[in-house]
Amino acid sequence: METPDALIHRTELKRIDDALVHIIRNAIDHGIEDEKTRFNLRKGSGKISISLHSENSANILTIKDDGVGLDPQKFAAIAVEKALISAEESLALSDQEKINLIFMPGFTSKTEITELSGQGVGMDAVNDIMKELNGEISLHSDLGAGTSFTLTFPSQIQNPSIGVRH
């Protein structure tokens, strides 16, 4: 008997697709270093991986890149500069909380808008999508090694035996 590892209803698939577009665009535009930098760092070609599995009636989607990673101090400075938080508030944040500033409306680390990113709506939109799906988003980042986003959302498929062959 074969069963799919994860089942996603078509209505949630469209919303997940929207979230994936934002995350992958950010990975390409912000995360993966340019070819010359990667060569100098001996990193080879940039990699983005996507995995999906089910666990306890939830779908878990993970998107990882092997890029530059997220700098908590830089994120805090940007948020203060854009008046999203005060300097005093930034001092009280942990490194993880500073990285999570990426989900604030209006936050962008780009100084110019490109076709891929820089408008300050991408990761905020992903956060909103996850709330719509009664899900959660978390991220982990290592400077110089990359970033991973984990999207966890309940499966809308009520009967997981659909499509099972006996």
N, C-alpha and C. Protein backbone atom coordinates (compact mmCIF):
# COMPACT_ATOMS: atom_id res chain seq x y z
N MET A 1 0.84 -1.16 0.00
CA MET A 1 0.00 0.00 0.00
C MET A 1 0.90 1.24 0.00
N GLU A 2 0.59 2.20 -0.86
CA GLU A 2 1.33 3.45 -0.92
C GLU A 2 0.44 4.59 -0.48
N THR A 3 0.98 5.47 0.31
CA THR A 3 0.25 6.68 0.69
C THR A 3 1.17 7.87 0.45
N PRO A 4 0.60 8.97 0.04
CA PRO A 4 1.44 10.17 -0.11
C PRO A 4 1.95 10.62 1.24
N ASP A 5 3.14 11.22 1.24
CA ASP A 5 3.72 11.70 2.49
C ASP A 5 2.95 12.89 3.03
N ALA A 6 2.43 13.74 2.15
CA ALA A 6 1.69 14.91 2.59
C ALA A 6 0.59 15.21 1.58
N LEU A 7 -0.55 15.60 2.09
CA LEU A 7 -1.68 15.97 1.24
C LEU A 7 -2.06 17.41 1.51
N ILE A 8 -2.21 18.18 0.44
CA ILE A 8 -2.58 19.58 0.59
C ILE A 8 -3.81 19.82 -0.27
N HIS A 9 -4.83 20.36 0.34
CA HIS A 9 -6.06 20.70 -0.37
C HIS A 9 -5.77 21.84 -1.34
N ARG A 10 -6.43 21.86 -2.49
CA ARG A 10 -6.14 22.87 -3.52
C ARG A 10 -6.37 24.30 -3.04
N THR A 11 -7.29 24.51 -2.10
CA THR A 11 -7.52 25.88 -1.62
C THR A 11 -6.33 26.38 -0.80
N GLU A 12 -5.74 25.51 0.00
CA GLU A 12 -4.57 25.95 0.76
C GLU A 12 -3.31 25.93 -0.11
N LEU A 13 -3.31 25.10 -1.16
CA LEU A 13 -2.15 25.04 -2.04
C LEU A 13 -1.89 26.39 -2.72
N LYS A 14 -2.94 27.10 -3.11
CA LYS A 14 -2.78 28.42 -3.73
C LYS A 14 -2.13 29.39 -2.75
N ARG A 15 -2.56 29.38 -1.50
CA ARG A 15 -1.97 30.28 -0.50
C ARG A 15 -0.52 29.90 -0.21
N ILE A 16 -0.24 28.61 -0.13
CA ILE A 16 1.13 28.15 0.11
C ILE A 16 2.01 28.54 -1.07
N ASP A 17 1.47 28.44 -2.28
CA ASP A 17 2.21 28.85 -3.46
C ASP A 17 2.60 30.32 -3.36
N ASP A 18 1.68 31.17 -2.92
CA ASP A 18 1.98 32.60 -2.75
C ASP A 18 3.11 32.79 -1.74
N ALA A 19 3.05 32.05 -0.64
CA ALA A 19 4.10 32.16 0.39
C ALA A 19 5.45 31.70 -0.16
N LEU A 20 5.44 30.60 -0.90
CA LEU A 20 6.68 30.08 -1.48
C LEU A 20 7.33 31.10 -2.42
N VAL A 21 6.52 31.77 -3.22
CA VAL A 21 7.06 32.77 -4.14
C VAL A 21 7.82 33.84 -3.37
N HIS A 22 7.24 34.35 -2.29
CA HIS A 22 7.90 35.39 -1.49
C HIS A 22 9.20 34.86 -0.88
N ILE A 23 9.16 33.68 -0.31
CA ILE A 23 10.34 33.13 0.36
C ILE A 23 11.45 32.84 -0.64
N ILE A 24 11.11 32.25 -1.78
CA ILE A 24 12.13 31.92 -2.78
C ILE A 24 12.71 33.20 -3.40
N ARG A 25 11.87 34.18 -3.67
CA ARG A 25 12.38 35.45 -4.19
C ARG A 25 13.37 36.07 -3.21
N ASN A 26 13.03 36.05 -1.92
CA ASN A 26 13.95 36.60 -0.92
C ASN A 26 15.25 35.82 -0.88
N ALA A 27 15.16 34.50 -0.97
CA ALA A 27 16.38 33.68 -0.95
C ALA A 27 17.28 34.04 -2.13
N ILE A 28 16.68 34.21 -3.29
CA ILE A 28 17.46 34.54 -4.49
C ILE A 28 18.03 35.95 -4.41
N ASP A 29 17.22 36.90 -4.01
CA ASP A 29 17.63 38.30 -4.04
C ASP A 29 18.44 38.73 -2.81
N HIS A 30 18.16 38.14 -1.66
CA HIS A 30 18.84 38.54 -0.42
C HIS A 30 19.83 37.49 0.07
N GLY A 31 19.47 36.23 -0.04
CA GLY A 31 20.23 35.17 0.63
C GLY A 31 21.42 34.64 -0.14
N ILE A 32 21.19 34.25 -1.38
CA ILE A 32 22.26 33.64 -2.16
C ILE A 32 23.23 34.73 -2.65
N GLU A 33 24.48 34.55 -2.30
CA GLU A 33 25.50 35.52 -2.69
C GLU A 33 25.69 35.50 -4.21
N ASP A 34 26.28 36.58 -4.74
CA ASP A 34 26.57 36.60 -6.17
C ASP A 34 27.66 35.57 -6.48
N GLU A 35 27.81 35.26 -7.75
CA GLU A 35 28.72 34.20 -8.18
C GLU A 35 30.16 34.43 -7.73
N LYS A 36 30.64 35.66 -7.85
CA LYS A 36 32.02 35.97 -7.47
C LYS A 36 32.25 35.77 -5.97
N THR A 37 31.30 36.25 -5.16
CA THR A 37 31.42 36.09 -3.71
C THR A 37 31.40 34.62 -3.33
N ARG A 38 30.48 33.86 -3.92
CA ARG A 38 30.40 32.42 -3.62
C ARG A 38 31.68 31.71 -4.04
N PHE A 39 32.26 32.10 -5.16
CA PHE A 39 33.52 31.52 -5.61
C PHE A 39 34.62 31.79 -4.59
N ASN A 40 34.72 33.05 -4.14
CA ASN A 40 35.74 33.42 -3.16
C ASN A 40 35.55 32.70 -1.83
N LEU A 41 34.30 32.39 -1.49
CA LEU A 41 34.00 31.66 -0.26
C LEU A 41 34.07 30.15 -0.45
N ARG A 42 34.32 29.73 -1.69
CA ARG A 42 34.38 28.30 -2.05
C ARG A 42 33.08 27.58 -1.72
N LYS A 43 31.97 28.25 -2.01
CA LYS A 43 30.67 27.68 -1.71
C LYS A 43 30.03 26.98 -2.90
N GLY A 44 30.54 27.19 -4.10
CA GLY A 44 29.91 26.59 -5.28
C GLY A 44 28.62 27.30 -5.62
N SER A 45 27.80 26.66 -6.43
CA SER A 45 26.52 27.25 -6.84
C SER A 45 25.58 27.34 -5.65
N GLY A 46 24.74 28.37 -5.67
CA GLY A 46 23.76 28.55 -4.61
C GLY A 46 22.70 27.47 -4.66
N LYS A 47 22.22 27.08 -3.51
CA LYS A 47 21.22 26.02 -3.42
C LYS A 47 20.03 26.47 -2.58
N ILE A 48 18.85 26.15 -3.09
CA ILE A 48 17.61 26.33 -2.34
C ILE A 48 16.91 24.99 -2.37
N SER A 49 16.55 24.48 -1.21
CA SER A 49 15.85 23.19 -1.16
C SER A 49 14.48 23.38 -0.52
N ILE A 50 13.55 22.56 -0.97
CA ILE A 50 12.18 22.61 -0.47
C ILE A 50 11.78 21.19 -0.11
N SER A 51 11.25 21.02 1.10
CA SER A 51 10.75 19.70 1.49
C SER A 51 9.38 19.84 2.14
N LEU A 52 8.57 18.81 1.99
CA LEU A 52 7.23 18.80 2.54
C LEU A 52 6.96 17.42 3.12
N HIS A 53 6.46 17.39 4.34
CA HIS A 53 6.02 16.13 4.93
C HIS A 53 4.87 16.39 5.89
N SER A 54 4.18 15.32 6.24
CA SER A 54 3.07 15.41 7.19
C SER A 54 3.48 14.82 8.52
N GLU A 55 2.94 15.42 9.57
CA GLU A 55 3.23 14.95 10.92
C GLU A 55 2.07 15.35 11.81
N ASN A 56 1.41 14.38 12.43
CA ASN A 56 0.31 14.65 13.36
C ASN A 56 -0.75 15.59 12.77
N SER A 57 -1.27 15.26 11.61
CA SER A 57 -2.33 16.03 10.94
C SER A 57 -1.89 17.44 10.54
N ALA A 58 -0.60 17.66 10.43
CA ALA A 58 -0.09 18.95 10.00
C ALA A 58 0.86 18.75 8.82
N ASN A 59 0.89 19.71 7.95
CA ASN A 59 1.87 19.72 6.86
C ASN A 59 3.03 20.61 7.30
N ILE A 60 4.23 20.16 7.01
CA ILE A 60 5.42 20.92 7.38
C ILE A 60 6.24 21.13 6.11
N LEU A 61 6.34 22.39 5.72
CA LEU A 61 7.06 22.78 4.52
C LEU A 61 8.31 23.54 4.95
N THR A 62 9.46 23.09 4.48
CA THR A 62 10.72 23.72 4.85
C THR A 62 11.43 24.20 3.58
N ILE A 63 11.86 25.44 3.61
CA ILE A 63 12.60 26.05 2.52
C ILE A 63 13.94 26.49 3.08
N LYS A 64 15.03 25.96 2.51
CA LYS A 64 16.38 26.28 3.01
C LYS A 64 17.23 26.82 1.89
N ASP A 65 18.09 27.79 2.23
CA ASP A 65 19.10 28.23 1.28
C ASP A 65 20.46 28.14 1.96
N ASP A 66 21.50 28.09 1.15
CA ASP A 66 22.87 28.01 1.71
C ASP A 66 23.59 29.34 1.50
N GLY A 67 22.85 30.42 1.64
CA GLY A 67 23.39 31.76 1.37
C GLY A 67 24.07 32.40 2.56
N VAL A 68 23.98 33.71 2.58
CA VAL A 68 24.72 34.54 3.53
C VAL A 68 24.15 34.47 4.95
N GLY A 69 22.89 34.12 5.09
CA GLY A 69 22.26 34.12 6.42
C GLY A 69 21.76 35.51 6.79
N LEU A 70 21.07 35.59 7.90
CA LEU A 70 20.48 36.84 8.35
C LEU A 70 21.26 37.38 9.54
N ASP A 71 21.57 38.67 9.48
CA ASP A 71 22.35 39.32 10.53
C ASP A 71 21.42 40.04 11.50
N PRO A 72 21.29 39.54 12.72
CA PRO A 72 20.36 40.15 13.68
C PRO A 72 20.65 41.62 13.97
N GLN A 73 21.92 41.98 14.05
CA GLN A 73 22.28 43.38 14.35
C GLN A 73 21.87 44.29 13.19
N LYS A 74 22.09 43.83 11.97
CA LYS A 74 21.69 44.60 10.80
C LYS A 74 20.18 44.78 10.76
N PHE A 75 19.44 43.71 11.06
CA PHE A 75 17.98 43.78 11.04
C PHE A 75 17.46 44.77 12.08
N ALA A 76 18.06 44.75 13.26
CA ALA A 76 17.64 45.68 14.31
C ALA A 76 17.92 47.12 13.88
N ALA A 77 19.08 47.37 13.30
CA ALA A 77 19.44 48.72 12.85
C ALA A 77 18.48 49.20 11.76
N ILE A 78 18.12 48.32 10.85
CA ILE A 78 17.18 48.69 9.77
C ILE A 78 15.81 49.03 10.37
N ALA A 79 15.35 48.21 11.30
CA ALA A 79 14.03 48.45 11.92
C ALA A 79 14.02 49.78 12.67
N VAL A 80 15.11 50.12 13.31
CA VAL A 80 15.19 51.41 14.02
C VAL A 80 15.22 52.55 13.00
N GLU A 81 16.04 52.39 11.95
CA GLU A 81 16.14 53.42 10.91
C GLU A 81 14.80 53.69 10.24
N LYS A 82 14.02 52.64 10.04
CA LYS A 82 12.71 52.79 9.39
C LYS A 82 11.60 53.13 10.40
N ALA A 83 11.99 53.36 11.65
CA ALA A 83 11.05 53.71 12.73
C ALA A 83 9.99 52.64 12.96
N LEU A 84 10.37 51.38 12.74
CA LEU A 84 9.46 50.26 13.03
C LEU A 84 9.53 49.89 14.51
N ILE A 85 10.69 50.14 15.12
CA ILE A 85 10.90 49.96 16.55
C ILE A 85 11.83 51.08 17.02
N SER A 86 11.87 51.29 18.32
CA SER A 86 12.79 52.31 18.86
C SER A 86 14.15 51.68 19.13
N ALA A 87 15.14 52.51 19.30
CA ALA A 87 16.49 52.04 19.63
C ALA A 87 16.48 51.28 20.95
N GLU A 88 15.68 51.77 21.90
CA GLU A 88 15.58 51.10 23.20
C GLU A 88 14.97 49.71 23.05
N GLU A 89 13.93 49.62 22.23
CA GLU A 89 13.30 48.31 21.99
C GLU A 89 14.28 47.34 21.34
N SER A 90 15.09 47.84 20.42
CA SER A 90 16.04 46.96 19.74
C SER A 90 17.06 46.37 20.70
N LEU A 91 17.45 47.14 21.71
CA LEU A 91 18.43 46.66 22.68
C LEU A 91 17.88 45.52 23.53
N ALA A 92 16.57 45.48 23.70
CA ALA A 92 15.96 44.45 24.55
C ALA A 92 15.67 43.15 23.79
N LEU A 93 15.86 43.15 22.48
CA LEU A 93 15.52 41.97 21.68
C LEU A 93 16.65 40.95 21.66
N SER A 94 16.27 39.67 21.66
CA SER A 94 17.24 38.60 21.46
C SER A 94 17.62 38.57 19.98
N ASP A 95 18.67 37.83 19.64
CA ASP A 95 19.05 37.71 18.23
C ASP A 95 17.92 37.12 17.40
N GLN A 96 17.22 36.11 17.92
CA GLN A 96 16.11 35.52 17.18
C GLN A 96 14.98 36.53 16.98
N GLU A 97 14.69 37.32 17.99
CA GLU A 97 13.65 38.36 17.87
C GLU A 97 14.06 39.41 16.83
N LYS A 98 15.34 39.72 16.76
CA LYS A 98 15.82 40.67 15.76
C LYS A 98 15.64 40.11 14.36
N ILE A 99 15.95 38.83 14.18
CA ILE A 99 15.76 38.20 12.88
C ILE A 99 14.27 38.16 12.52
N ASN A 100 13.43 37.93 13.51
CA ASN A 100 11.98 37.86 13.27
C ASN A 100 11.37 39.21 12.87
N LEU A 101 12.15 40.29 12.97
CA LEU A 101 11.67 41.58 12.50
C LEU A 101 11.36 41.55 11.01
N ILE A 102 11.89 40.56 10.31
CA ILE A 102 11.63 40.39 8.88
C ILE A 102 10.14 40.27 8.58
N PHE A 103 9.35 39.85 9.58
CA PHE A 103 7.91 39.66 9.39
C PHE A 103 7.10 40.93 9.65
N MET A 104 7.75 42.01 10.05
CA MET A 104 7.03 43.26 10.32
C MET A 104 6.61 43.93 9.01
N PRO A 105 5.40 44.49 8.98
CA PRO A 105 4.99 45.25 7.79
C PRO A 105 5.96 46.40 7.53
N GLY A 106 6.38 46.53 6.28
CA GLY A 106 7.28 47.61 5.90
C GLY A 106 8.75 47.30 6.04
N PHE A 107 9.10 46.13 6.61
CA PHE A 107 10.51 45.81 6.80
C PHE A 107 11.11 45.31 5.48
N THR A 108 12.23 45.88 5.10
CA THR A 108 13.03 45.37 3.99
C THR A 108 14.48 45.73 4.24
N SER A 109 15.36 44.84 3.87
CA SER A 109 16.78 45.13 4.02
C SER A 109 17.38 45.66 2.72
N LYS A 110 16.56 45.77 1.70
CA LYS A 110 17.01 46.30 0.41
C LYS A 110 16.93 47.83 0.42
N THR A 111 17.91 48.45 -0.21
CA THR A 111 17.88 49.90 -0.33
C THR A 111 17.20 50.33 -1.63
N GLU A 112 17.04 49.37 -2.54
CA GLU A 112 16.33 49.68 -3.78
C GLU A 112 15.37 48.54 -4.11
N ILE A 113 14.29 48.88 -4.77
CA ILE A 113 13.29 47.89 -5.16
C ILE A 113 13.73 47.23 -6.46
N THR A 114 13.68 45.89 -6.47
CA THR A 114 14.01 45.14 -7.68
C THR A 114 12.77 44.38 -8.13
N GLU A 115 12.91 43.65 -9.24
CA GLU A 115 11.81 42.82 -9.71
C GLU A 115 11.50 41.71 -8.72
N LEU A 116 12.50 41.30 -7.94
CA LEU A 116 12.33 40.18 -7.02
C LEU A 116 11.86 40.59 -5.64
N SER A 117 12.38 41.70 -5.12
CA SER A 117 12.05 42.05 -3.74
C SER A 117 12.39 43.50 -3.44
N GLY A 118 12.16 43.88 -2.18
CA GLY A 118 12.55 45.21 -1.73
C GLY A 118 11.40 46.13 -1.39
N GLN A 119 10.16 45.65 -1.51
CA GLN A 119 9.03 46.52 -1.24
C GLN A 119 8.57 46.46 0.22
N GLY A 120 9.09 45.52 0.98
CA GLY A 120 8.72 45.43 2.39
C GLY A 120 7.38 44.78 2.65
N VAL A 121 6.89 43.99 1.69
CA VAL A 121 5.61 43.31 1.90
C VAL A 121 5.73 41.79 1.84
N GLY A 122 6.81 41.25 1.36
CA GLY A 122 6.95 39.82 1.13
C GLY A 122 6.79 38.96 2.36
N MET A 123 7.65 39.15 3.35
CA MET A 123 7.63 38.27 4.51
C MET A 123 6.44 38.59 5.42
N ASP A 124 6.00 39.83 5.43
CA ASP A 124 4.78 40.18 6.14
C ASP A 124 3.60 39.44 5.51
N ALA A 125 3.58 39.37 4.18
CA ALA A 125 2.51 38.64 3.48
C ALA A 125 2.56 37.15 3.81
N VAL A 126 3.75 36.59 3.89
CA VAL A 126 3.88 35.17 4.26
C VAL A 126 3.33 34.94 5.66
N ASN A 127 3.65 35.83 6.57
CA ASN A 127 3.14 35.73 7.94
C ASN A 127 1.61 35.78 7.94
N ASP A 128 1.03 36.68 7.15
CA ASP A 128 -0.43 36.78 7.05
C ASP A 128 -1.05 35.50 6.47
N ILE A 129 -0.40 34.95 5.46
CA ILE A 129 -0.89 33.70 4.85
C ILE A 129 -0.91 32.59 5.88
N MET A 130 0.13 32.48 6.67
CA MET A 130 0.19 31.42 7.67
C MET A 130 -0.90 31.61 8.73
N LYS A 131 -1.19 32.84 9.09
CA LYS A 131 -2.28 33.10 10.04
C LYS A 131 -3.62 32.68 9.44
N GLU A 132 -3.84 32.99 8.14
CA GLU A 132 -5.07 32.58 7.45
C GLU A 132 -5.25 31.08 7.48
N LEU A 133 -4.15 30.34 7.38
CA LEU A 133 -4.19 28.88 7.34
C LEU A 133 -4.13 28.26 8.74
N ASN A 134 -4.22 29.11 9.77
CA ASN A 134 -4.06 28.65 11.16
C ASN A 134 -2.74 27.92 11.34
N GLY A 135 -1.72 28.44 10.69
CA GLY A 135 -0.41 27.83 10.76
C GLY A 135 0.60 28.73 11.43
N GLU A 136 1.83 28.30 11.38
CA GLU A 136 2.93 29.04 11.99
C GLU A 136 4.10 29.08 11.03
N ILE A 137 4.90 30.11 11.16
CA ILE A 137 6.14 30.19 10.42
C ILE A 137 7.27 30.42 11.40
N SER A 138 8.35 29.72 11.18
CA SER A 138 9.53 29.95 12.00
C SER A 138 10.74 29.99 11.07
N LEU A 139 11.78 30.63 11.55
CA LEU A 139 12.98 30.68 10.74
C LEU A 139 14.19 30.49 11.61
N HIS A 140 15.20 29.95 10.98
CA HIS A 140 16.49 29.75 11.63
C HIS A 140 17.55 30.22 10.63
N SER A 141 18.54 30.94 11.12
CA SER A 141 19.57 31.44 10.23
C SER A 141 20.93 31.38 10.90
N ASP A 142 21.92 31.01 10.11
CA ASP A 142 23.31 31.02 10.54
C ASP A 142 24.08 31.93 9.59
N LEU A 143 24.69 32.97 10.14
CA LEU A 143 25.47 33.87 9.29
C LEU A 143 26.51 33.09 8.51
N GLY A 144 26.54 33.32 7.21
CA GLY A 144 27.50 32.65 6.34
C GLY A 144 27.09 31.27 5.89
N ALA A 145 26.06 30.71 6.49
CA ALA A 145 25.68 29.32 6.17
C ALA A 145 24.28 29.18 5.59
N GLY A 146 23.43 30.17 5.78
CA GLY A 146 22.10 30.10 5.17
C GLY A 146 20.97 30.26 6.15
N THR A 147 19.77 30.16 5.58
CA THR A 147 18.53 30.40 6.32
C THR A 147 17.52 29.33 5.96
N SER A 148 16.71 28.94 6.94
CA SER A 148 15.61 28.01 6.66
C SER A 148 14.32 28.57 7.26
N PHE A 149 13.26 28.45 6.49
CA PHE A 149 11.92 28.81 6.90
C PHE A 149 11.12 27.53 7.02
N THR A 150 10.38 27.39 8.11
CA THR A 150 9.51 26.23 8.30
C THR A 150 8.09 26.73 8.44
N LEU A 151 7.24 26.27 7.54
CA LEU A 151 5.82 26.62 7.55
C LEU A 151 5.06 25.39 7.99
N THR A 152 4.33 25.49 9.10
CA THR A 152 3.56 24.39 9.64
C THR A 152 2.10 24.80 9.62
N PHE A 153 1.27 23.98 8.97
CA PHE A 153 -0.14 24.33 8.85
C PHE A 153 -0.96 23.05 8.87
N PRO A 154 -2.18 23.12 9.43
CA PRO A 154 -3.01 21.93 9.52
C PRO A 154 -3.43 21.44 8.15
N SER A 155 -3.49 20.15 8.02
CA SER A 155 -3.98 19.56 6.77
C SER A 155 -5.49 19.75 6.70
N GLN A 156 -5.97 20.21 5.55
CA GLN A 156 -7.40 20.38 5.34
C GLN A 156 -8.03 19.10 4.80
N ILE A 157 -7.20 18.11 4.49
CA ILE A 157 -7.69 16.83 3.99
C ILE A 157 -8.16 16.02 5.19
N GLN A 158 -9.44 15.70 5.22
CA GLN A 158 -10.01 14.99 6.37
C GLN A 158 -9.80 13.48 6.29
N ASN A 159 -9.70 12.93 5.09
CA ASN A 159 -9.55 11.49 4.94
C ASN A 159 -8.23 11.18 4.24
N PRO A 160 -7.17 10.90 5.01
CA PRO A 160 -5.87 10.68 4.40
C PRO A 160 -5.79 9.41 3.58
N SER A 161 -6.82 8.55 3.62
CA SER A 161 -6.76 7.33 2.83
C SER A 161 -7.23 7.55 1.39
N ILE A 162 -7.60 8.78 1.04
CA ILE A 162 -8.00 9.07 -0.32
C ILE A 162 -6.85 8.75 -1.25
N GLY A 163 -7.13 8.00 -2.28
CA GLY A 163 -6.12 7.67 -3.26
C GLY A 163 -5.23 6.51 -2.88
N VAL A 164 -5.49 5.88 -1.74
CA VAL A 164 -4.69 4.73 -1.32
C VAL A 164 -5.12 3.51 -2.10
N ARG A 165 -4.12 2.78 -2.62
CA ARG A 165 -4.41 1.54 -3.33
C ARG A 165 -4.20 0.37 -2.38
N HIS A 166 -5.15 -0.55 -2.36
CA HIS A 166 -5.02 -1.73 -1.49
C HIS A 166 -4.61 -2.93 -2.30
